[in-house]
Amino acid sequence: MRNRSPWWLVCALWAVSAVALAAKKPASTDAEAEAGIQVAGTILVGPEGKPLEYELTGGDRLPKEVRRFLDFHIPRWQFDPPVVDGKPVALRNRMGLYLVAKPSDDGGMRIVLQSASFFPTERGGGYDITGARMPPPPYPEAAAEVGVEATVYLVLKVGRDGKVLDAADEQVNLHFLPERDADKWRDIFARSAVRAARGWRFNVPTQGDEGGQDSWLLRVPVAYSFNQRNRYGEWQAYVPGPRRKVDWVPTEEQDRPLEAMTGGSVNPVGQKSGVMLTPAGIGL
C-alpha cells in the first residue's frame, strides 16, 4: 500500500479543482488523457451583457500564457444581459473556466477555452439555491487501497423542502487510470457520491424567477483525492469518462461541458443569468 493520508481524513477533502493528479497511460481502454487547467474567479456583467470587471482567483499563480490568454479574451466576451425581477441589472457571477492545450498547425501548442460556467454570486434574500448540509461522502475503501482518484459530476433534483428528490451521476473522470477495470472504478465512485447526495439538504429560492417552483435542478462535482497539496494554477491531466444521459435533465442541458465547475460547488441547471454568448472553443 502506498504512503498516504489516513482514509478518514481523505474523506473530508473537497478538491479545489474539478481536475486533479496526472493520469497514467490509458492502457486497455479507448479513453485518452487530456491536459488542462481550471481557473476560478468572479466577473461583473453589466446590463448590456458586457464584462465590467473580473478577478481571477490566485492570478499570480497562473502560468503567464494562461493569464495572457484570459486578459485578452475576457474583456471581449458577450453575455445574455442579466435580469433580476424582470429588469436588466449589473450582476456579479462566480466564474469557472477550463482551458486545454491543443496542437497548432505550426507544430506547437495553443490554448483553447473548452468550457465555462457562470452563476450569480449569492444575492441573499432567498434568490438562490445554496447548500445547507452537504457532508462529503466517505472515500471508497476499495479505491483507497489501490490509490484510484476521481471526480464525479452529479446532477440533483431538489424539492421545495430542500431535500434531494433524485440524484444521478452524469460523468466520472478518473485521475489515475488502472490497467483494467476502469468501468468498475467509475461505478464505485458514482455509487458512493450518489448515495451521499441523497442525504444532502439545500436552501431553496423563495424570491425572483426561481422562487416558488416545485423543484430545482443543480449540479455538484464531488472530487476524490488523496493529495492535500493545492495544485490550482498548474496544468494537469485526467481521463474523461463517458457522458451519461439523465432522462429528467432538459435536452439542451445534457451535453453541457462539466469540467469548468469546481469541486463541491452548487451549480443551478438552466440558470438564465450568466449565459455566455461568445462560444467556447476559442483559442489563441
C-alpha atoms as a PDB file:
ATOM      1  CA  MET A   1       0.000   0.000   0.000  1.00  0.00           C
ATOM      2  CA  ARG A   2       1.388   3.428  -0.848  1.00  0.00           C
ATOM      3  CA  ASN A   3       2.110   6.036   1.806  1.00  0.00           C
ATOM      4  CA  ARG A   4      -0.825   8.449   2.062  1.00  0.00           C
ATOM      5  CA  SER A   5      -3.069  10.381   4.421  1.00  0.00           C
ATOM      6  CA  PRO A   6      -5.435   8.338   6.617  1.00  0.00           C
ATOM      7  CA  TRP A   7      -8.531   7.440   4.621  1.00  0.00           C
ATOM      8  CA  TRP A   8     -10.816   9.005   7.215  1.00  0.00           C
ATOM      9  CA  LEU A   9      -9.036  12.325   6.688  1.00  0.00           C
ATOM     10  CA  VAL A  10      -9.156  11.968   2.937  1.00  0.00           C
ATOM     11  CA  CYS A  11     -12.925  11.533   3.179  1.00  0.00           C
ATOM     12  CA  ALA A  12     -13.277  15.150   4.228  1.00  0.00           C
ATOM     13  CA  LEU A  13     -11.287  16.636   1.337  1.00  0.00           C
ATOM     14  CA  TRP A  14     -13.040  18.672  -1.339  1.00  0.00           C
ATOM     15  CA  ALA A  15     -10.590  19.310  -4.193  1.00  0.00           C
ATOM     16  CA  VAL A  16     -10.203  22.947  -5.192  1.00  0.00           C
ATOM     17  CA  SER A  17     -10.185  21.959  -8.835  1.00  0.00           C
ATOM     18  CA  ALA A  18     -12.520  19.742 -10.787  1.00  0.00           C
ATOM     19  CA  VAL A  19      -9.428  18.123 -12.300  1.00  0.00           C
ATOM     20  CA  ALA A  20      -6.598  16.601 -10.351  1.00  0.00           C
ATOM     21  CA  LEU A  21      -3.497  14.442 -10.373  1.00  0.00           C
ATOM     22  CA  ALA A  22      -1.895  13.449 -13.687  1.00  0.00           C
ATOM     23  CA  ALA A  23      -3.454  10.311 -15.093  1.00  0.00           C
ATOM     24  CA  LYS A  24      -1.395   7.293 -16.133  1.00  0.00           C
ATOM     25  CA  LYS A  25      -1.471   5.941 -19.665  1.00  0.00           C
ATOM     26  CA  PRO A  26      -4.880   4.660 -20.834  1.00  0.00           C
ATOM     27  CA  ALA A  27      -3.662   1.062 -21.383  1.00  0.00           C
ATOM     28  CA  SER A  28      -6.516  -1.224 -22.484  1.00  0.00           C
ATOM     29  CA  THR A  29      -9.177   1.427 -22.989  1.00  0.00           C
ATOM     30  CA  ASP A  30     -10.282   3.868 -25.666  1.00  0.00           C
ATOM     31  CA  ALA A  31     -10.018   6.773 -23.200  1.00  0.00           C
ATOM     32  CA  GLU A  32      -7.170   9.242 -23.637  1.00  0.00           C
ATOM     33  CA  ALA A  33      -5.628  11.556 -21.071  1.00  0.00           C
ATOM     34  CA  GLU A  34      -6.199  15.268 -21.636  1.00  0.00           C
ATOM     35  CA  ALA A  35      -4.073  18.138 -20.330  1.00  0.00           C
ATOM     36  CA  GLY A  36      -5.948  21.128 -18.968  1.00  0.00           C
ATOM     37  CA  ILE A  37      -6.062  23.813 -16.337  1.00  0.00           C
ATOM     38  CA  GLN A  38      -9.008  25.108 -14.343  1.00  0.00           C
ATOM     39  CA  VAL A  39      -9.360  28.767 -13.418  1.00  0.00           C
ATOM     40  CA  ALA A  40     -11.837  30.207 -10.920  1.00  0.00           C
ATOM     41  CA  GLY A  41     -12.839  33.786 -10.244  1.00  0.00           C
ATOM     42  CA  THR A  42     -15.645  36.323 -10.456  1.00  0.00           C
ATOM     43  CA  ILE A  43     -16.915  38.527 -13.261  1.00  0.00           C
ATOM     44  CA  LEU A  44     -19.255  41.515 -13.124  1.00  0.00           C
ATOM     45  CA  VAL A  45     -21.579  41.528 -16.150  1.00  0.00           C
ATOM     46  CA  GLY A  46     -23.296  44.803 -16.970  1.00  0.00           C
ATOM     47  CA  PRO A  47     -26.933  45.304 -18.011  1.00  0.00           C
ATOM     48  CA  GLU A  48     -25.862  45.292 -21.670  1.00  0.00           C
ATOM     49  CA  GLY A  49     -24.115  41.936 -21.328  1.00  0.00           C
ATOM     50  CA  LYS A  50     -20.577  43.314 -21.366  1.00  0.00           C
ATOM     51  CA  PRO A  51     -17.955  42.421 -18.726  1.00  0.00           C
ATOM     52  CA  LEU A  52     -17.373  45.413 -16.477  1.00  0.00           C
ATOM     53  CA  GLU A  53     -14.656  43.867 -14.329  1.00  0.00           C
ATOM     54  CA  TYR A  54     -13.264  40.475 -13.431  1.00  0.00           C
ATOM     55  CA  GLU A  55     -10.944  38.885 -10.896  1.00  0.00           C
ATOM     56  CA  LEU A  56      -9.053  35.611 -11.292  1.00  0.00           C
ATOM     57  CA  THR A  57      -8.543  33.565  -8.154  1.00  0.00           C
ATOM     58  CA  GLY A  58      -4.821  33.212  -7.471  1.00  0.00           C
ATOM     59  CA  GLY A  59      -3.983  35.091 -10.650  1.00  0.00           C
ATOM     60  CA  ASP A  60      -0.317  35.335  -9.699  1.00  0.00           C
ATOM     61  CA  ARG A  61      -0.133  31.535  -9.564  1.00  0.00           C
ATOM     62  CA  LEU A  62      -1.393  31.017 -13.103  1.00  0.00           C
ATOM     63  CA  PRO A  63       1.084  30.346 -15.926  1.00  0.00           C
ATOM     64  CA  LYS A  64       1.913  33.532 -17.836  1.00  0.00           C
ATOM     65  CA  GLU A  65       0.472  32.163 -21.075  1.00  0.00           C
ATOM     66  CA  VAL A  66      -2.853  31.401 -19.338  1.00  0.00           C
ATOM     67  CA  ARG A  67      -3.084  34.840 -17.760  1.00  0.00           C
ATOM     68  CA  ARG A  68      -2.228  36.480 -21.106  1.00  0.00           C
ATOM     69  CA  PHE A  69      -4.903  34.407 -22.869  1.00  0.00           C
ATOM     70  CA  LEU A  70      -7.599  35.349 -20.350  1.00  0.00           C
ATOM     71  CA  ASP A  71      -6.660  39.028 -20.134  1.00  0.00           C
ATOM     72  CA  PHE A  72      -7.012  39.234 -23.911  1.00  0.00           C
ATOM     73  CA  HIS A  73     -10.294  37.334 -24.291  1.00  0.00           C
ATOM     74  CA  ILE A  74     -12.393  38.094 -21.203  1.00  0.00           C
ATOM     75  CA  PRO A  75     -12.997  41.808 -21.968  1.00  0.00           C
ATOM     76  CA  ARG A  76     -14.284  40.750 -25.416  1.00  0.00           C
ATOM     77  CA  TRP A  77     -16.869  38.260 -24.159  1.00  0.00           C
ATOM     78  CA  GLN A  78     -20.579  38.892 -24.629  1.00  0.00           C
ATOM     79  CA  PHE A  79     -23.273  37.655 -22.220  1.00  0.00           C
ATOM     80  CA  ASP A  80     -27.023  37.436 -22.230  1.00  0.00           C
ATOM     81  CA  PRO A  81     -27.885  40.612 -20.248  1.00  0.00           C
ATOM     82  CA  PRO A  82     -28.594  39.636 -16.616  1.00  0.00           C
ATOM     83  CA  VAL A  83     -32.128  40.240 -15.392  1.00  0.00           C
ATOM     84  CA  VAL A  84     -33.472  40.323 -11.826  1.00  0.00           C
ATOM     85  CA  ASP A  85     -37.224  40.704 -11.260  1.00  0.00           C
ATOM     86  CA  GLY A  86     -37.672  41.483 -14.955  1.00  0.00           C
ATOM     87  CA  LYS A  87     -35.145  44.319 -15.059  1.00  0.00           C
ATOM     88  CA  PRO A  88     -31.645  44.378 -16.627  1.00  0.00           C
ATOM     89  CA  VAL A  89     -29.013  44.763 -13.917  1.00  0.00           C
ATOM     90  CA  ALA A  90     -25.273  44.504 -13.362  1.00  0.00           C
ATOM     91  CA  LEU A  91     -24.698  41.122 -11.769  1.00  0.00           C
ATOM     92  CA  ARG A  92     -21.571  39.566 -10.310  1.00  0.00           C
ATOM     93  CA  ASN A  93     -21.061  35.921 -11.252  1.00  0.00           C
ATOM     94  CA  ARG A  94     -18.995  33.056  -9.966  1.00  0.00           C
ATOM     95  CA  MET A  95     -16.777  32.053 -12.874  1.00  0.00           C
ATOM     96  CA  GLY A  96     -15.262  28.668 -13.663  1.00  0.00           C
ATOM     97  CA  LEU A  97     -13.107  28.173 -16.766  1.00  0.00           C
ATOM     98  CA  TYR A  98     -11.456  25.083 -18.200  1.00  0.00           C
ATOM     99  CA  LEU A  99      -8.616  25.581 -20.669  1.00  0.00           C
ATOM    100  CA  VAL A 100      -6.885  22.855 -22.672  1.00  0.00           C
ATOM    101  CA  ALA A 101      -3.698  22.720 -24.727  1.00  0.00           C
ATOM    102  CA  LYS A 102      -4.278  21.768 -28.370  1.00  0.00           C
ATOM    103  CA  PRO A 103      -1.751  21.108 -31.157  1.00  0.00           C
ATOM    104  CA  SER A 104      -1.437  24.026 -33.564  1.00  0.00           C
ATOM    105  CA  ASP A 105      -0.839  23.956 -37.324  1.00  0.00           C
ATOM    106  CA  ASP A 106       2.757  25.111 -36.890  1.00  0.00           C
ATOM    107  CA  GLY A 107       3.596  22.101 -34.729  1.00  0.00           C
ATOM    108  CA  GLY A 108       3.370  23.965 -31.427  1.00  0.00           C
ATOM    109  CA  MET A 109       0.552  24.191 -28.888  1.00  0.00           C
ATOM    110  CA  ARG A 110      -2.251  26.673 -28.454  1.00  0.00           C
ATOM    111  CA  ILE A 111      -4.605  27.372 -25.577  1.00  0.00           C
ATOM    112  CA  VAL A 112      -8.325  26.796 -26.097  1.00  0.00           C
ATOM    113  CA  LEU A 113     -11.226  27.663 -23.804  1.00  0.00           C
ATOM    114  CA  GLN A 114     -13.024  24.313 -23.719  1.00  0.00           C
ATOM    115  CA  SER A 115     -15.814  25.134 -21.272  1.00  0.00           C
ATOM    116  CA  ALA A 116     -17.019  27.849 -18.926  1.00  0.00           C
ATOM    117  CA  SER A 117     -19.597  28.163 -16.166  1.00  0.00           C
ATOM    118  CA  PHE A 118     -21.109  31.326 -14.712  1.00  0.00           C
ATOM    119  CA  PHE A 119     -23.546  31.562 -11.806  1.00  0.00           C
ATOM    120  CA  PRO A 120     -24.624  34.629  -9.841  1.00  0.00           C
ATOM    121  CA  THR A 121     -22.827  35.072  -6.552  1.00  0.00           C
ATOM    122  CA  GLU A 122     -25.191  34.669  -3.638  1.00  0.00           C
ATOM    123  CA  ARG A 123     -27.554  37.631  -3.607  1.00  0.00           C
ATOM    124  CA  GLY A 124     -29.250  36.865  -0.298  1.00  0.00           C
ATOM    125  CA  GLY A 125     -32.939  37.322   0.411  1.00  0.00           C
ATOM    126  CA  GLY A 126     -33.904  33.907  -0.933  1.00  0.00           C
ATOM    127  CA  TYR A 127     -32.937  34.412  -4.583  1.00  0.00           C
ATOM    128  CA  ASP A 128     -30.517  31.483  -4.835  1.00  0.00           C
ATOM    129  CA  ILE A 129     -30.324  27.787  -4.087  1.00  0.00           C
ATOM    130  CA  THR A 130     -27.488  27.135  -1.649  1.00  0.00           C
ATOM    131  CA  GLY A 131     -26.130  24.187   0.272  1.00  0.00           C
ATOM    132  CA  ALA A 132     -27.490  23.750   3.799  1.00  0.00           C
ATOM    133  CA  ARG A 133     -25.977  20.377   4.714  1.00  0.00           C
ATOM    134  CA  MET A 134     -23.618  18.640   2.285  1.00  0.00           C
ATOM    135  CA  PRO A 135     -21.247  16.286   4.120  1.00  0.00           C
ATOM    136  CA  PRO A 136     -18.750  14.795   1.651  1.00  0.00           C
ATOM    137  CA  PRO A 137     -19.033  11.064   1.015  1.00  0.00           C
ATOM    138  CA  PRO A 138     -16.539   8.610   2.504  1.00  0.00           C
ATOM    139  CA  TYR A 139     -13.706   7.559   0.231  1.00  0.00           C
ATOM    140  CA  PRO A 140     -14.490   4.088  -1.167  1.00  0.00           C
ATOM    141  CA  GLU A 141     -12.175   1.714   0.682  1.00  0.00           C
ATOM    142  CA  ALA A 142     -11.515  -0.447  -2.376  1.00  0.00           C
ATOM    143  CA  ALA A 143     -10.330   2.621  -4.317  1.00  0.00           C
ATOM    144  CA  ALA A 144      -8.289   3.854  -1.365  1.00  0.00           C
ATOM    145  CA  GLU A 145      -6.429   0.547  -1.195  1.00  0.00           C
ATOM    146  CA  VAL A 146      -5.080   0.901  -4.742  1.00  0.00           C
ATOM    147  CA  GLY A 147      -4.880   4.701  -4.897  1.00  0.00           C
ATOM    148  CA  VAL A 148      -7.537   5.454  -7.502  1.00  0.00           C
ATOM    149  CA  GLU A 149      -8.757   9.078  -7.634  1.00  0.00           C
ATOM    150  CA  ALA A 150     -11.770  10.526  -9.460  1.00  0.00           C
ATOM    151  CA  THR A 151     -14.237  13.367  -9.871  1.00  0.00           C
ATOM    152  CA  VAL A 152     -17.943  12.519 -10.024  1.00  0.00           C
ATOM    153  CA  TYR A 153     -20.249  15.064 -11.658  1.00  0.00           C
ATOM    154  CA  LEU A 154     -23.659  14.773 -10.025  1.00  0.00           C
ATOM    155  CA  VAL A 155     -26.986  16.192 -11.146  1.00  0.00           C
ATOM    156  CA  LEU A 156     -29.675  16.560  -8.475  1.00  0.00           C
ATOM    157  CA  LYS A 157     -33.385  17.301  -8.330  1.00  0.00           C
ATOM    158  CA  VAL A 158     -34.280  19.215  -5.158  1.00  0.00           C
ATOM    159  CA  GLY A 159     -37.819  19.646  -3.798  1.00  0.00           C
ATOM    160  CA  ARG A 160     -39.472  22.544  -2.003  1.00  0.00           C
ATOM    161  CA  ASP A 161     -38.391  21.221   1.389  1.00  0.00           C
ATOM    162  CA  GLY A 162     -34.736  21.302   0.301  1.00  0.00           C
ATOM    163  CA  LYS A 163     -34.448  17.513   0.205  1.00  0.00           C
ATOM    164  CA  VAL A 164     -32.972  15.659  -2.759  1.00  0.00           C
ATOM    165  CA  LEU A 165     -35.738  14.001  -4.772  1.00  0.00           C
ATOM    166  CA  ASP A 166     -33.420  12.313  -7.255  1.00  0.00           C
ATOM    167  CA  ALA A 167     -29.687  12.071  -7.902  1.00  0.00           C
ATOM    168  CA  ALA A 168     -27.620  10.727 -10.785  1.00  0.00           C
ATOM    169  CA  ASP A 169     -24.025  10.699 -11.951  1.00  0.00           C
ATOM    170  CA  GLU A 170     -23.564  12.274 -15.376  1.00  0.00           C
ATOM    171  CA  GLN A 171     -19.836  11.660 -15.733  1.00  0.00           C
ATOM    172  CA  VAL A 172     -16.936  10.192 -13.766  1.00  0.00           C
ATOM    173  CA  ASN A 173     -13.410  11.308 -14.642  1.00  0.00           C
ATOM    174  CA  LEU A 174     -10.506   9.196 -13.391  1.00  0.00           C
ATOM    175  CA  HIS A 175      -7.275  10.893 -12.346  1.00  0.00           C
ATOM    176  CA  PHE A 176      -5.473   7.585 -12.172  1.00  0.00           C
ATOM    177  CA  LEU A 177      -6.457   5.110 -14.865  1.00  0.00           C
ATOM    178  CA  PRO A 178      -5.849   1.494 -13.840  1.00  0.00           C
ATOM    179  CA  GLU A 179      -4.540  -1.035 -16.332  1.00  0.00           C
ATOM    180  CA  ARG A 180      -8.003  -2.604 -16.291  1.00  0.00           C
ATOM    181  CA  ASP A 181     -11.461  -2.302 -14.727  1.00  0.00           C
ATOM    182  CA  ALA A 182     -11.855   1.438 -15.402  1.00  0.00           C
ATOM    183  CA  ASP A 183     -15.621   0.992 -15.638  1.00  0.00           C
ATOM    184  CA  LYS A 184     -15.628  -0.787 -12.279  1.00  0.00           C
ATOM    185  CA  TRP A 185     -13.858   2.118 -10.574  1.00  0.00           C
ATOM    186  CA  ARG A 186     -16.144   4.689 -12.160  1.00  0.00           C
ATOM    187  CA  ASP A 187     -19.142   2.734 -10.883  1.00  0.00           C
ATOM    188  CA  ILE A 188     -17.686   2.521  -7.353  1.00  0.00           C
ATOM    189  CA  PHE A 189     -17.115   6.274  -7.170  1.00  0.00           C
ATOM    190  CA  ALA A 190     -20.505   7.061  -8.746  1.00  0.00           C
ATOM    191  CA  ARG A 191     -22.413   4.919  -6.236  1.00  0.00           C
ATOM    192  CA  SER A 192     -20.517   6.496  -3.334  1.00  0.00           C
ATOM    193  CA  ALA A 193     -21.287  10.050  -4.471  1.00  0.00           C
ATOM    194  CA  VAL A 194     -24.960   9.396  -5.321  1.00  0.00           C
ATOM    195  CA  ARG A 195     -25.566   7.646  -2.008  1.00  0.00           C
ATOM    196  CA  ALA A 196     -24.169  10.615  -0.071  1.00  0.00           C
ATOM    197  CA  ALA A 197     -26.012  13.193  -2.176  1.00  0.00           C
ATOM    198  CA  ARG A 198     -29.407  11.652  -1.423  1.00  0.00           C
ATOM    199  CA  GLY A 199     -28.967  12.802   2.168  1.00  0.00           C
ATOM    200  CA  TRP A 200     -27.957  16.386   1.375  1.00  0.00           C
ATOM    201  CA  ARG A 201     -30.157  19.394   2.167  1.00  0.00           C
ATOM    202  CA  PHE A 202     -30.419  22.745   0.398  1.00  0.00           C
ATOM    203  CA  ASN A 203     -31.846  26.211   0.960  1.00  0.00           C
ATOM    204  CA  VAL A 204     -34.197  26.749  -1.979  1.00  0.00           C
ATOM    205  CA  PRO A 205     -35.084  30.070  -3.676  1.00  0.00           C
ATOM    206  CA  THR A 206     -38.154  31.915  -2.420  1.00  0.00           C
ATOM    207  CA  GLN A 207     -37.755  35.133  -4.441  1.00  0.00           C
ATOM    208  CA  GLY A 208     -37.339  36.124  -8.089  1.00  0.00           C
ATOM    209  CA  ASP A 209     -37.821  33.963 -11.164  1.00  0.00           C
ATOM    210  CA  GLU A 210     -36.549  30.841  -9.393  1.00  0.00           C
ATOM    211  CA  GLY A 211     -38.791  31.179  -6.329  1.00  0.00           C
ATOM    212  CA  GLY A 212     -41.932  29.116  -5.786  1.00  0.00           C
ATOM    213  CA  GLN A 213     -41.067  26.241  -8.129  1.00  0.00           C
ATOM    214  CA  ASP A 214     -41.921  22.645  -7.308  1.00  0.00           C
ATOM    215  CA  SER A 215     -38.321  21.540  -7.825  1.00  0.00           C
ATOM    216  CA  TRP A 216     -34.890  22.719  -8.908  1.00  0.00           C
ATOM    217  CA  LEU A 217     -32.070  21.023 -10.805  1.00  0.00           C
ATOM    218  CA  LEU A 218     -28.445  21.556  -9.894  1.00  0.00           C
ATOM    219  CA  ARG A 219     -25.012  20.058 -10.480  1.00  0.00           C
ATOM    220  CA  VAL A 220     -22.384  19.338  -7.840  1.00  0.00           C
ATOM    221  CA  PRO A 221     -18.933  17.903  -8.674  1.00  0.00           C
ATOM    222  CA  VAL A 222     -17.532  15.587  -5.990  1.00  0.00           C
ATOM    223  CA  ALA A 223     -13.733  15.253  -6.077  1.00  0.00           C
ATOM    224  CA  TYR A 224     -11.965  12.272  -4.502  1.00  0.00           C
ATOM    225  CA  SER A 225      -8.256  12.988  -3.999  1.00  0.00           C
ATOM    226  CA  PHE A 226      -5.530  11.823  -1.618  1.00  0.00           C
ATOM    227  CA  ASN A 227      -3.060  14.611  -2.163  1.00  0.00           C
ATOM    228  CA  GLN A 228      -3.730  17.621   0.054  1.00  0.00           C
ATOM    229  CA  ARG A 229      -1.400  19.930  -1.888  1.00  0.00           C
ATOM    230  CA  ASN A 230      -3.300  22.608  -3.749  1.00  0.00           C
ATOM    231  CA  ARG A 231      -2.497  22.145  -7.447  1.00  0.00           C
ATOM    232  CA  TYR A 232      -4.565  25.111  -8.514  1.00  0.00           C
ATOM    233  CA  GLY A 233      -2.829  27.026 -11.291  1.00  0.00           C
ATOM    234  CA  GLU A 234      -0.993  24.018 -12.728  1.00  0.00           C
ATOM    235  CA  TRP A 235      -1.526  22.144 -15.983  1.00  0.00           C
ATOM    236  CA  GLN A 236      -2.830  18.679 -15.146  1.00  0.00           C
ATOM    237  CA  ALA A 237      -4.077  15.556 -16.888  1.00  0.00           C
ATOM    238  CA  TYR A 238      -7.151  13.410 -16.426  1.00  0.00           C
ATOM    239  CA  VAL A 239      -9.070  10.737 -18.311  1.00  0.00           C
ATOM    240  CA  PRO A 240     -12.681  11.807 -19.032  1.00  0.00           C
ATOM    241  CA  GLY A 241     -15.358   9.172 -18.627  1.00  0.00           C
ATOM    242  CA  PRO A 242     -18.362   8.663 -20.913  1.00  0.00           C
ATOM    243  CA  ARG A 243     -21.240  11.117 -20.558  1.00  0.00           C
ATOM    244  CA  ARG A 244     -24.448   9.521 -19.294  1.00  0.00           C
ATOM    245  CA  LYS A 245     -27.865  10.829 -20.311  1.00  0.00           C
ATOM    246  CA  VAL A 246     -30.276  11.525 -17.447  1.00  0.00           C
ATOM    247  CA  ASP A 247     -33.936  11.492 -18.515  1.00  0.00           C
ATOM    248  CA  TRP A 248     -35.081  14.294 -16.212  1.00  0.00           C
ATOM    249  CA  VAL A 249     -32.361  16.725 -17.325  1.00  0.00           C
ATOM    250  CA  PRO A 250     -33.563  19.068 -20.129  1.00  0.00           C
ATOM    251  CA  THR A 251     -32.280  18.079 -23.557  1.00  0.00           C
ATOM    252  CA  GLU A 252     -30.478  21.394 -24.077  1.00  0.00           C
ATOM    253  CA  GLU A 253     -28.517  20.786 -20.855  1.00  0.00           C
ATOM    254  CA  GLN A 254     -27.497  17.178 -21.427  1.00  0.00           C
ATOM    255  CA  ASP A 255     -24.344  17.925 -23.420  1.00  0.00           C
ATOM    256  CA  ARG A 256     -23.162  20.951 -21.464  1.00  0.00           C
ATOM    257  CA  PRO A 257     -19.443  20.565 -20.561  1.00  0.00           C
ATOM    258  CA  LEU A 258     -18.868  19.879 -16.880  1.00  0.00           C
ATOM    259  CA  GLU A 259     -15.137  20.280 -16.223  1.00  0.00           C
ATOM    260  CA  ALA A 260     -15.265  24.024 -15.526  1.00  0.00           C
ATOM    261  CA  MET A 261     -17.230  23.516 -12.295  1.00  0.00           C
ATOM    262  CA  THR A 262     -15.161  23.413  -9.107  1.00  0.00           C
ATOM    263  CA  GLY A 263     -15.412  20.534  -6.638  1.00  0.00           C
ATOM    264  CA  GLY A 264     -18.186  20.909  -4.059  1.00  0.00           C
ATOM    265  CA  SER A 265     -19.796  23.908  -5.812  1.00  0.00           C
ATOM    266  CA  VAL A 266     -23.578  24.235  -6.232  1.00  0.00           C
ATOM    267  CA  ASN A 267     -24.417  24.971  -9.879  1.00  0.00           C
ATOM    268  CA  PRO A 268     -28.074  25.531 -10.856  1.00  0.00           C
ATOM    269  CA  VAL A 269     -29.112  23.878 -14.114  1.00  0.00           C
ATOM    270  CA  GLY A 270     -30.717  26.204 -16.661  1.00  0.00           C
ATOM    271  CA  GLN A 271     -29.939  29.414 -14.751  1.00  0.00           C
ATOM    272  CA  LYS A 272     -30.759  32.334 -17.038  1.00  0.00           C
ATOM    273  CA  SER A 273     -28.238  34.786 -15.583  1.00  0.00           C
ATOM    274  CA  GLY A 274     -24.604  34.450 -16.566  1.00  0.00           C
ATOM    275  CA  VAL A 275     -25.238  32.928 -20.012  1.00  0.00           C
ATOM    276  CA  MET A 276     -22.157  33.452 -22.166  1.00  0.00           C
ATOM    277  CA  LEU A 277     -22.990  34.110 -25.814  1.00  0.00           C
ATOM    278  CA  THR A 278     -19.369  34.011 -27.000  1.00  0.00           C
ATOM    279  CA  PRO A 279     -18.805  30.377 -27.968  1.00  0.00           C
ATOM    280  CA  ALA A 280     -16.333  28.193 -26.146  1.00  0.00           C
ATOM    281  CA  GLY A 281     -13.624  26.598 -28.219  1.00  0.00           C
ATOM    282  CA  ILE A 282     -11.873  29.887 -28.939  1.00  0.00           C
ATOM    283  CA  GLY A 283      -8.099  29.778 -28.919  1.00  0.00           C
ATOM    284  CA  LEU A 284      -5.013  31.918 -29.086  1.00  0.00           C
END
